[in-house]
């Protein structure tokens, strides 16, 4: 009769299975550093493009992101390496940033963040005074 919660009886099959399970290594799942870097540089690219003064930074970060996306895709294609969603998001952000920069150089007004610079500066000043920074 089987009792719930009771340990199975030790037999030859149980010992072989236990030995096999204890001998198999646990897979070390990790996140690819290239995928995280691709996401972060894509984020920098998309956040820099609405401002006229740092449009070049957006262009540079977008190009860097495209290179990191290729490396991240290669890294995440292996088993036990995570970060595919970060690579895809970084690619989307980089392409969006590069399209916005390209539209800006083509004559379209994509610098919608320039009007908010004075507000951002006042927020930064209030934070600086609240935390007693320089």
C-alpha atoms as a PDB file:
ATOM      1  CA  UNK A   1       0.000   0.000   0.000  1.00  0.00           C
ATOM      2  CA  UNK A   2       1.293   3.455  -0.920  1.00  0.00           C
ATOM      3  CA  UNK A   3       1.360   6.150   1.720  1.00  0.00           C
ATOM      4  CA  UNK A   4       1.486   9.806   0.751  1.00  0.00           C
ATOM      5  CA  UNK A   5       4.600  11.561   1.973  1.00  0.00           C
ATOM      6  CA  UNK A   6       6.502   8.371   2.655  1.00  0.00           C
ATOM      7  CA  UNK A   7       9.920   7.850   1.124  1.00  0.00           C
ATOM      8  CA  UNK A   8      10.087   5.172  -1.571  1.00  0.00           C
ATOM      9  CA  UNK A   9      11.610   1.921  -0.615  1.00  0.00           C
ATOM     10  CA  UNK A  10      15.262   1.594  -1.469  1.00  0.00           C
ATOM     11  CA  UNK A  11      15.808  -0.828  -4.305  1.00  0.00           C
ATOM     12  CA  UNK A  12      18.181  -1.270  -7.187  1.00  0.00           C
ATOM     13  CA  UNK A  13      16.153   1.009  -9.521  1.00  0.00           C
ATOM     14  CA  UNK A  14      15.893   3.778  -6.913  1.00  0.00           C
ATOM     15  CA  UNK A  15      19.624   3.743  -6.207  1.00  0.00           C
ATOM     16  CA  UNK A  16      20.503   3.987  -9.920  1.00  0.00           C
ATOM     17  CA  UNK A  17      18.071   6.870 -10.440  1.00  0.00           C
ATOM     18  CA  UNK A  18      19.359   8.743  -7.394  1.00  0.00           C
ATOM     19  CA  UNK A  19      22.948   8.278  -8.563  1.00  0.00           C
ATOM     20  CA  UNK A  20      22.066   9.546 -12.037  1.00  0.00           C
ATOM     21  CA  UNK A  21      20.227  12.627 -10.749  1.00  0.00           C
ATOM     22  CA  UNK A  22      22.987  13.543  -8.325  1.00  0.00           C
ATOM     23  CA  UNK A  23      25.654  13.164 -11.025  1.00  0.00           C
ATOM     24  CA  UNK A  24      23.975  15.450 -13.575  1.00  0.00           C
ATOM     25  CA  UNK A  25      25.125  19.069 -13.276  1.00  0.00           C
ATOM     26  CA  UNK A  26      22.656  21.906 -12.951  1.00  0.00           C
ATOM     27  CA  UNK A  27      22.714  24.210 -15.951  1.00  0.00           C
ATOM     28  CA  UNK A  28      24.140  27.635 -15.198  1.00  0.00           C
ATOM     29  CA  UNK A  29      21.684  30.035 -16.811  1.00  0.00           C
ATOM     30  CA  UNK A  30      23.099  33.529 -17.243  1.00  0.00           C
ATOM     31  CA  UNK A  31      22.153  36.760 -18.954  1.00  0.00           C
ATOM     32  CA  UNK A  32      24.371  37.846 -21.806  1.00  0.00           C
ATOM     33  CA  UNK A  33      26.338  41.006 -21.035  1.00  0.00           C
ATOM     34  CA  UNK A  34      26.080  42.016 -24.688  1.00  0.00           C
ATOM     35  CA  UNK A  35      22.284  41.920 -24.522  1.00  0.00           C
ATOM     36  CA  UNK A  36      22.220  44.141 -21.439  1.00  0.00           C
ATOM     37  CA  UNK A  37      24.704  46.538 -23.060  1.00  0.00           C
ATOM     38  CA  UNK A  38      22.606  46.607 -26.258  1.00  0.00           C
ATOM     39  CA  UNK A  39      19.492  47.485 -24.279  1.00  0.00           C
ATOM     40  CA  UNK A  40      21.243  50.199 -22.267  1.00  0.00           C
ATOM     41  CA  UNK A  41      22.897  51.842 -25.277  1.00  0.00           C
ATOM     42  CA  UNK A  42      19.586  51.698 -27.170  1.00  0.00           C
ATOM     43  CA  UNK A  43      17.964  53.445 -24.243  1.00  0.00           C
ATOM     44  CA  UNK A  44      20.659  56.143 -24.296  1.00  0.00           C
ATOM     45  CA  UNK A  45      20.150  56.533 -28.043  1.00  0.00           C
ATOM     46  CA  UNK A  46      16.393  57.003 -27.854  1.00  0.00           C
ATOM     47  CA  UNK A  47      16.637  59.366 -24.870  1.00  0.00           C
ATOM     48  CA  UNK A  48      19.265  61.534 -26.576  1.00  0.00           C
ATOM     49  CA  UNK A  49      17.539  62.032 -29.914  1.00  0.00           C
ATOM     50  CA  UNK A  50      14.814  64.547 -28.881  1.00  0.00           C
ATOM     51  CA  UNK A  51      17.467  67.139 -27.959  1.00  0.00           C
ATOM     52  CA  UNK A  52      19.399  69.175 -30.533  1.00  0.00           C
ATOM     53  CA  UNK A  53      22.608  69.472 -28.517  1.00  0.00           C
ATOM     54  CA  UNK A  54      23.105  65.699 -28.114  1.00  0.00           C
ATOM     55  CA  UNK A  55      21.832  64.439 -31.459  1.00  0.00           C
ATOM     56  CA  UNK A  56      25.347  63.191 -32.265  1.00  0.00           C
ATOM     57  CA  UNK A  57      25.323  61.138 -29.071  1.00  0.00           C
ATOM     58  CA  UNK A  58      22.077  59.534 -30.195  1.00  0.00           C
ATOM     59  CA  UNK A  59      23.624  58.701 -33.549  1.00  0.00           C
ATOM     60  CA  UNK A  60      26.746  57.232 -31.947  1.00  0.00           C
ATOM     61  CA  UNK A  61      24.774  55.254 -29.372  1.00  0.00           C
ATOM     62  CA  UNK A  62      22.450  53.925 -32.077  1.00  0.00           C
ATOM     63  CA  UNK A  63      25.377  52.686 -34.164  1.00  0.00           C
ATOM     64  CA  UNK A  64      26.988  51.115 -31.100  1.00  0.00           C
ATOM     65  CA  UNK A  65      23.702  49.428 -30.261  1.00  0.00           C
ATOM     66  CA  UNK A  66      23.485  47.835 -33.697  1.00  0.00           C
ATOM     67  CA  UNK A  67      26.942  46.306 -33.198  1.00  0.00           C
ATOM     68  CA  UNK A  68      26.018  45.090 -29.713  1.00  0.00           C
ATOM     69  CA  UNK A  69      22.768  43.607 -31.042  1.00  0.00           C
ATOM     70  CA  UNK A  70      24.728  41.398 -33.448  1.00  0.00           C
ATOM     71  CA  UNK A  71      26.989  40.205 -30.618  1.00  0.00           C
ATOM     72  CA  UNK A  72      23.981  39.743 -28.310  1.00  0.00           C
ATOM     73  CA  UNK A  73      22.109  37.681 -30.903  1.00  0.00           C
ATOM     74  CA  UNK A  74      25.099  35.401 -31.285  1.00  0.00           C
ATOM     75  CA  UNK A  75      25.476  35.055 -27.526  1.00  0.00           C
ATOM     76  CA  UNK A  76      21.814  34.371 -26.789  1.00  0.00           C
ATOM     77  CA  UNK A  77      21.544  31.737 -29.501  1.00  0.00           C
ATOM     78  CA  UNK A  78      23.409  29.332 -27.217  1.00  0.00           C
ATOM     79  CA  UNK A  79      21.596  27.230 -24.675  1.00  0.00           C
ATOM     80  CA  UNK A  80      21.404  28.531 -21.101  1.00  0.00           C
ATOM     81  CA  UNK A  81      22.096  32.135 -22.151  1.00  0.00           C
ATOM     82  CA  UNK A  82      19.202  34.533 -21.571  1.00  0.00           C
ATOM     83  CA  UNK A  83      18.598  38.029 -22.903  1.00  0.00           C
ATOM     84  CA  UNK A  84      16.783  37.623 -26.213  1.00  0.00           C
ATOM     85  CA  UNK A  85      14.098  40.135 -25.224  1.00  0.00           C
ATOM     86  CA  UNK A  86      16.763  42.676 -24.237  1.00  0.00           C
ATOM     87  CA  UNK A  87      18.424  42.285 -27.629  1.00  0.00           C
ATOM     88  CA  UNK A  88      15.131  42.761 -29.462  1.00  0.00           C
ATOM     89  CA  UNK A  89      14.230  45.808 -27.374  1.00  0.00           C
ATOM     90  CA  UNK A  90      17.685  47.315 -27.900  1.00  0.00           C
ATOM     91  CA  UNK A  91      17.332  46.786 -31.655  1.00  0.00           C
ATOM     92  CA  UNK A  92      13.927  48.474 -31.694  1.00  0.00           C
ATOM     93  CA  UNK A  93      15.191  51.437 -29.649  1.00  0.00           C
ATOM     94  CA  UNK A  94      18.274  51.861 -31.840  1.00  0.00           C
ATOM     95  CA  UNK A  95      16.294  51.746 -35.065  1.00  0.00           C
ATOM     96  CA  UNK A  96      13.755  54.234 -33.713  1.00  0.00           C
ATOM     97  CA  UNK A  97      16.555  56.566 -32.601  1.00  0.00           C
ATOM     98  CA  UNK A  98      18.347  56.321 -35.931  1.00  0.00           C
ATOM     99  CA  UNK A  99      15.118  57.014 -37.820  1.00  0.00           C
ATOM    100  CA  UNK A 100      14.502  60.089 -35.646  1.00  0.00           C
ATOM    101  CA  UNK A 101      18.047  61.355 -36.201  1.00  0.00           C
ATOM    102  CA  UNK A 102      17.758  60.724 -39.925  1.00  0.00           C
ATOM    103  CA  UNK A 103      14.453  62.593 -40.058  1.00  0.00           C
ATOM    104  CA  UNK A 104      16.077  65.470 -38.182  1.00  0.00           C
ATOM    105  CA  UNK A 105      18.904  65.681 -40.705  1.00  0.00           C
ATOM    106  CA  UNK A 106      16.356  65.468 -43.538  1.00  0.00           C
ATOM    107  CA  UNK A 107      14.670  68.637 -42.317  1.00  0.00           C
ATOM    108  CA  UNK A 108      11.839  67.374 -40.130  1.00  0.00           C
ATOM    109  CA  UNK A 109      11.507  68.809 -36.630  1.00  0.00           C
ATOM    110  CA  UNK A 110      12.214  65.902 -34.299  1.00  0.00           C
ATOM    111  CA  UNK A 111      13.680  67.968 -31.470  1.00  0.00           C
ATOM    112  CA  UNK A 112      10.581  68.070 -29.303  1.00  0.00           C
ATOM    113  CA  UNK A 113      12.671  67.895 -26.129  1.00  0.00           C
ATOM    114  CA  UNK A 114      14.313  71.294 -26.527  1.00  0.00           C
ATOM    115  CA  UNK A 115      11.288  73.063 -25.024  1.00  0.00           C
ATOM    116  CA  UNK A 116      11.589  71.002 -21.847  1.00  0.00           C
ATOM    117  CA  UNK A 117      15.263  71.790 -21.200  1.00  0.00           C
ATOM    118  CA  UNK A 118      14.526  74.695 -18.827  1.00  0.00           C
ATOM    119  CA  UNK A 119      12.142  72.499 -16.821  1.00  0.00           C
ATOM    120  CA  UNK A 120      14.683  69.674 -16.649  1.00  0.00           C
ATOM    121  CA  UNK A 121      17.400  72.090 -15.534  1.00  0.00           C
ATOM    122  CA  UNK A 122      15.182  73.467 -12.754  1.00  0.00           C
ATOM    123  CA  UNK A 123      14.378  69.913 -11.608  1.00  0.00           C
ATOM    124  CA  UNK A 124      18.088  69.052 -11.575  1.00  0.00           C
ATOM    125  CA  UNK A 125      18.841  72.213  -9.565  1.00  0.00           C
ATOM    126  CA  UNK A 126      16.154  71.384  -7.005  1.00  0.00           C
ATOM    127  CA  UNK A 127      17.495  67.835  -6.646  1.00  0.00           C
ATOM    128  CA  UNK A 128      21.031  69.163  -6.322  1.00  0.00           C
ATOM    129  CA  UNK A 129      19.973  71.532  -3.525  1.00  0.00           C
ATOM    130  CA  UNK A 130      17.884  68.839  -1.795  1.00  0.00           C
ATOM    131  CA  UNK A 131      20.813  66.433  -1.645  1.00  0.00           C
ATOM    132  CA  UNK A 132      23.402  69.181  -0.976  1.00  0.00           C
ATOM    133  CA  UNK A 133      25.467  68.331  -4.050  1.00  0.00           C
ATOM    134  CA  UNK A 134      28.064  70.939  -5.096  1.00  0.00           C
END
